[in-house]
N, C-alpha and C. Protein backbone atom coordinates (compact mmCIF):
# COMPACT_ATOMS: atom_id res chain seq x y z
N UNK A 1 0.85 -1.17 0.00
CA UNK A 1 0.00 0.00 0.00
C UNK A 1 0.90 1.24 0.00
N UNK A 2 0.62 2.18 -0.88
CA UNK A 2 1.45 3.38 -0.94
C UNK A 2 1.01 4.39 0.13
N UNK A 3 1.79 5.44 0.28
CA UNK A 3 1.53 6.43 1.35
C UNK A 3 0.19 7.12 1.19
N UNK A 4 -0.23 7.41 -0.04
CA UNK A 4 -1.52 8.06 -0.25
C UNK A 4 -2.67 7.15 0.16
N UNK A 5 -2.56 5.88 -0.16
CA UNK A 5 -3.59 4.91 0.23
C UNK A 5 -3.62 4.75 1.75
N UNK A 6 -2.45 4.71 2.37
CA UNK A 6 -2.40 4.62 3.83
C UNK A 6 -3.08 5.82 4.47
N UNK A 7 -2.86 7.01 3.94
CA UNK A 7 -3.48 8.21 4.49
C UNK A 7 -5.00 8.13 4.40
N UNK A 8 -5.52 7.66 3.27
CA UNK A 8 -6.97 7.51 3.10
C UNK A 8 -7.55 6.55 4.13
N UNK A 9 -6.86 5.44 4.34
CA UNK A 9 -7.33 4.43 5.29
C UNK A 9 -7.28 4.99 6.72
N UNK A 10 -6.22 5.69 7.05
CA UNK A 10 -6.09 6.29 8.38
C UNK A 10 -7.16 7.36 8.59
N UNK A 11 -7.41 8.17 7.58
CA UNK A 11 -8.45 9.20 7.67
C UNK A 11 -9.83 8.59 7.89
N UNK A 12 -10.01 7.35 7.45
CA UNK A 12 -11.27 6.64 7.66
C UNK A 12 -11.36 6.03 9.06
N UNK A 13 -10.29 6.18 9.86
CA UNK A 13 -10.33 5.72 11.25
C UNK A 13 -9.56 4.45 11.54
N UNK A 14 -8.92 3.89 10.53
CA UNK A 14 -8.15 2.67 10.74
C UNK A 14 -6.77 2.97 11.30
N UNK A 15 -6.17 1.97 11.93
CA UNK A 15 -4.78 2.02 12.37
C UNK A 15 -4.05 0.92 11.61
N UNK A 16 -2.84 1.22 11.13
CA UNK A 16 -2.05 0.27 10.35
C UNK A 16 -0.87 -0.18 11.20
N UNK A 17 -0.66 -1.49 11.28
CA UNK A 17 0.49 -2.02 12.02
C UNK A 17 1.37 -2.81 11.07
N UNK A 18 2.63 -2.94 11.48
CA UNK A 18 3.63 -3.65 10.68
C UNK A 18 4.61 -4.33 11.64
N UNK A 19 4.93 -5.59 11.36
CA UNK A 19 5.94 -6.32 12.13
C UNK A 19 7.31 -6.00 11.56
N UNK A 20 8.30 -5.88 12.45
CA UNK A 20 9.66 -5.61 12.01
C UNK A 20 10.63 -6.43 12.86
N UNK A 21 11.66 -6.97 12.20
CA UNK A 21 12.67 -7.78 12.89
C UNK A 21 13.96 -7.03 13.14
N UNK A 22 14.30 -6.09 12.28
CA UNK A 22 15.56 -5.33 12.40
C UNK A 22 15.27 -3.86 12.48
N UNK A 23 15.86 -3.08 13.27
CA UNK A 23 16.98 -3.38 14.16
C UNK A 23 16.54 -4.05 15.46
N UNK A 24 15.24 -4.16 15.68
CA UNK A 24 14.72 -4.82 16.88
C UNK A 24 13.42 -5.53 16.51
N UNK A 25 13.05 -6.50 17.32
CA UNK A 25 11.78 -7.19 17.12
C UNK A 25 10.71 -6.27 17.71
N UNK A 26 9.83 -5.76 16.84
CA UNK A 26 8.86 -4.78 17.30
C UNK A 26 7.66 -4.72 16.36
N UNK A 27 6.65 -3.99 16.83
CA UNK A 27 5.48 -3.66 16.02
C UNK A 27 5.51 -2.16 15.82
N UNK A 28 5.37 -1.75 14.57
CA UNK A 28 5.30 -0.34 14.24
C UNK A 28 3.85 0.01 13.91
N UNK A 29 3.49 1.28 14.14
CA UNK A 29 2.11 1.72 13.91
C UNK A 29 2.08 3.04 13.17
N UNK A 30 1.02 3.20 12.40
CA UNK A 30 0.74 4.46 11.72
C UNK A 30 -0.75 4.72 11.95
N UNK A 31 -1.08 5.86 12.55
CA UNK A 31 -2.47 6.21 12.81
C UNK A 31 -2.63 7.72 12.86
N UNK A 32 -3.77 8.20 13.32
CA UNK A 32 -4.02 9.64 13.37
C UNK A 32 -3.00 10.37 14.24
N UNK A 33 -2.51 9.74 15.29
CA UNK A 33 -1.53 10.36 16.19
C UNK A 33 -0.10 10.23 15.67
N UNK A 34 0.15 9.19 14.90
CA UNK A 34 1.49 8.90 14.37
C UNK A 34 1.41 8.86 12.85
N UNK A 35 1.67 9.97 12.20
CA UNK A 35 1.55 10.04 10.74
C UNK A 35 2.71 9.34 10.04
N UNK A 36 3.82 9.18 10.73
CA UNK A 36 4.94 8.39 10.23
C UNK A 36 5.02 7.12 11.06
N UNK A 37 5.71 6.11 10.55
CA UNK A 37 5.84 4.86 11.32
C UNK A 37 6.55 5.14 12.64
N UNK A 38 5.97 4.62 13.73
CA UNK A 38 6.60 4.74 15.03
C UNK A 38 6.46 3.40 15.75
N UNK A 39 7.32 3.16 16.72
CA UNK A 39 7.30 1.89 17.44
C UNK A 39 6.14 1.85 18.43
N UNK A 40 5.32 0.84 18.30
CA UNK A 40 4.23 0.62 19.26
C UNK A 40 4.77 -0.10 20.48
N UNK A 41 5.54 -1.18 20.22
CA UNK A 41 6.11 -1.96 21.33
C UNK A 41 7.25 -2.83 20.81
N UNK A 42 8.23 -3.07 21.69
CA UNK A 42 9.35 -3.98 21.41
C UNK A 42 9.11 -5.30 22.14
N UNK A 43 9.68 -6.38 21.59
CA UNK A 43 9.43 -7.71 22.14
C UNK A 43 10.73 -8.49 22.26
N UNK A 44 10.79 -9.44 23.22
CA UNK A 44 11.99 -10.25 23.38
C UNK A 44 12.13 -11.35 22.32
N UNK A 45 10.99 -11.71 21.67
CA UNK A 45 11.05 -12.77 20.66
C UNK A 45 10.01 -12.52 19.58
N UNK A 46 10.21 -13.16 18.44
CA UNK A 46 9.25 -13.04 17.34
C UNK A 46 7.92 -13.68 17.72
N UNK A 47 7.98 -14.77 18.48
CA UNK A 47 6.75 -15.45 18.88
C UNK A 47 5.88 -14.54 19.76
N UNK A 48 6.51 -13.83 20.69
CA UNK A 48 5.77 -12.90 21.56
C UNK A 48 5.17 -11.78 20.72
N UNK A 49 5.93 -11.26 19.77
CA UNK A 49 5.43 -10.21 18.88
C UNK A 49 4.24 -10.71 18.06
N UNK A 50 4.36 -11.90 17.51
CA UNK A 50 3.30 -12.44 16.66
C UNK A 50 2.02 -12.70 17.45
N UNK A 51 2.15 -13.15 18.69
CA UNK A 51 0.96 -13.35 19.55
C UNK A 51 0.27 -12.02 19.80
N UNK A 52 1.06 -11.00 20.13
CA UNK A 52 0.50 -9.68 20.41
C UNK A 52 -0.16 -9.10 19.15
N UNK A 53 0.48 -9.29 18.02
CA UNK A 53 -0.07 -8.80 16.76
C UNK A 53 -1.39 -9.49 16.43
N UNK A 54 -1.46 -10.78 16.69
CA UNK A 54 -2.69 -11.53 16.44
C UNK A 54 -3.83 -10.95 17.28
N UNK A 55 -3.55 -10.62 18.53
CA UNK A 55 -4.57 -10.01 19.39
C UNK A 55 -4.99 -8.65 18.87
N UNK A 56 -4.03 -7.84 18.43
CA UNK A 56 -4.36 -6.52 17.89
C UNK A 56 -5.27 -6.63 16.67
N UNK A 57 -5.01 -7.61 15.82
CA UNK A 57 -5.76 -7.75 14.58
C UNK A 57 -7.19 -8.26 14.78
N UNK A 58 -7.55 -8.61 16.01
CA UNK A 58 -8.94 -8.95 16.30
C UNK A 58 -9.82 -7.71 16.28
N UNK A 59 -9.21 -6.53 16.45
CA UNK A 59 -9.93 -5.26 16.35
C UNK A 59 -10.18 -4.97 14.86
N UNK A 60 -11.43 -4.74 14.49
CA UNK A 60 -11.78 -4.52 13.09
C UNK A 60 -11.19 -3.24 12.50
N UNK A 61 -10.70 -2.35 13.33
CA UNK A 61 -10.15 -1.07 12.84
C UNK A 61 -8.63 -1.09 12.76
N UNK A 62 -8.02 -2.25 12.97
CA UNK A 62 -6.57 -2.39 12.86
C UNK A 62 -6.27 -3.34 11.70
N UNK A 63 -5.39 -2.88 10.80
CA UNK A 63 -5.01 -3.70 9.65
C UNK A 63 -3.49 -3.73 9.51
N UNK A 64 -2.99 -4.67 8.72
CA UNK A 64 -1.56 -4.71 8.40
C UNK A 64 -1.36 -4.20 6.99
N UNK A 65 -0.17 -3.71 6.72
CA UNK A 65 0.10 -3.24 5.35
C UNK A 65 0.84 -4.28 4.54
C-alpha cells in the first residue's frame, strides 16, 4: 500500500500495524496520532510479537500493510 492509500485508510479511522525484525523485534504503527511509522512496542522474541499482533488484529479497525 502506498503512502496516499495509507493516508486515506487512516483518515477513515483505521490504524495500520507492521511487524519488524531489524533493528529490533517490534510492532510499528501508523495512525491519526502517528503520521509516520513509530514503534508501538518492542518484544523479546518473534513469537511474543506475533501473539501480540494476532490479538491486535482482532480489532476490526486495525489492519496490516
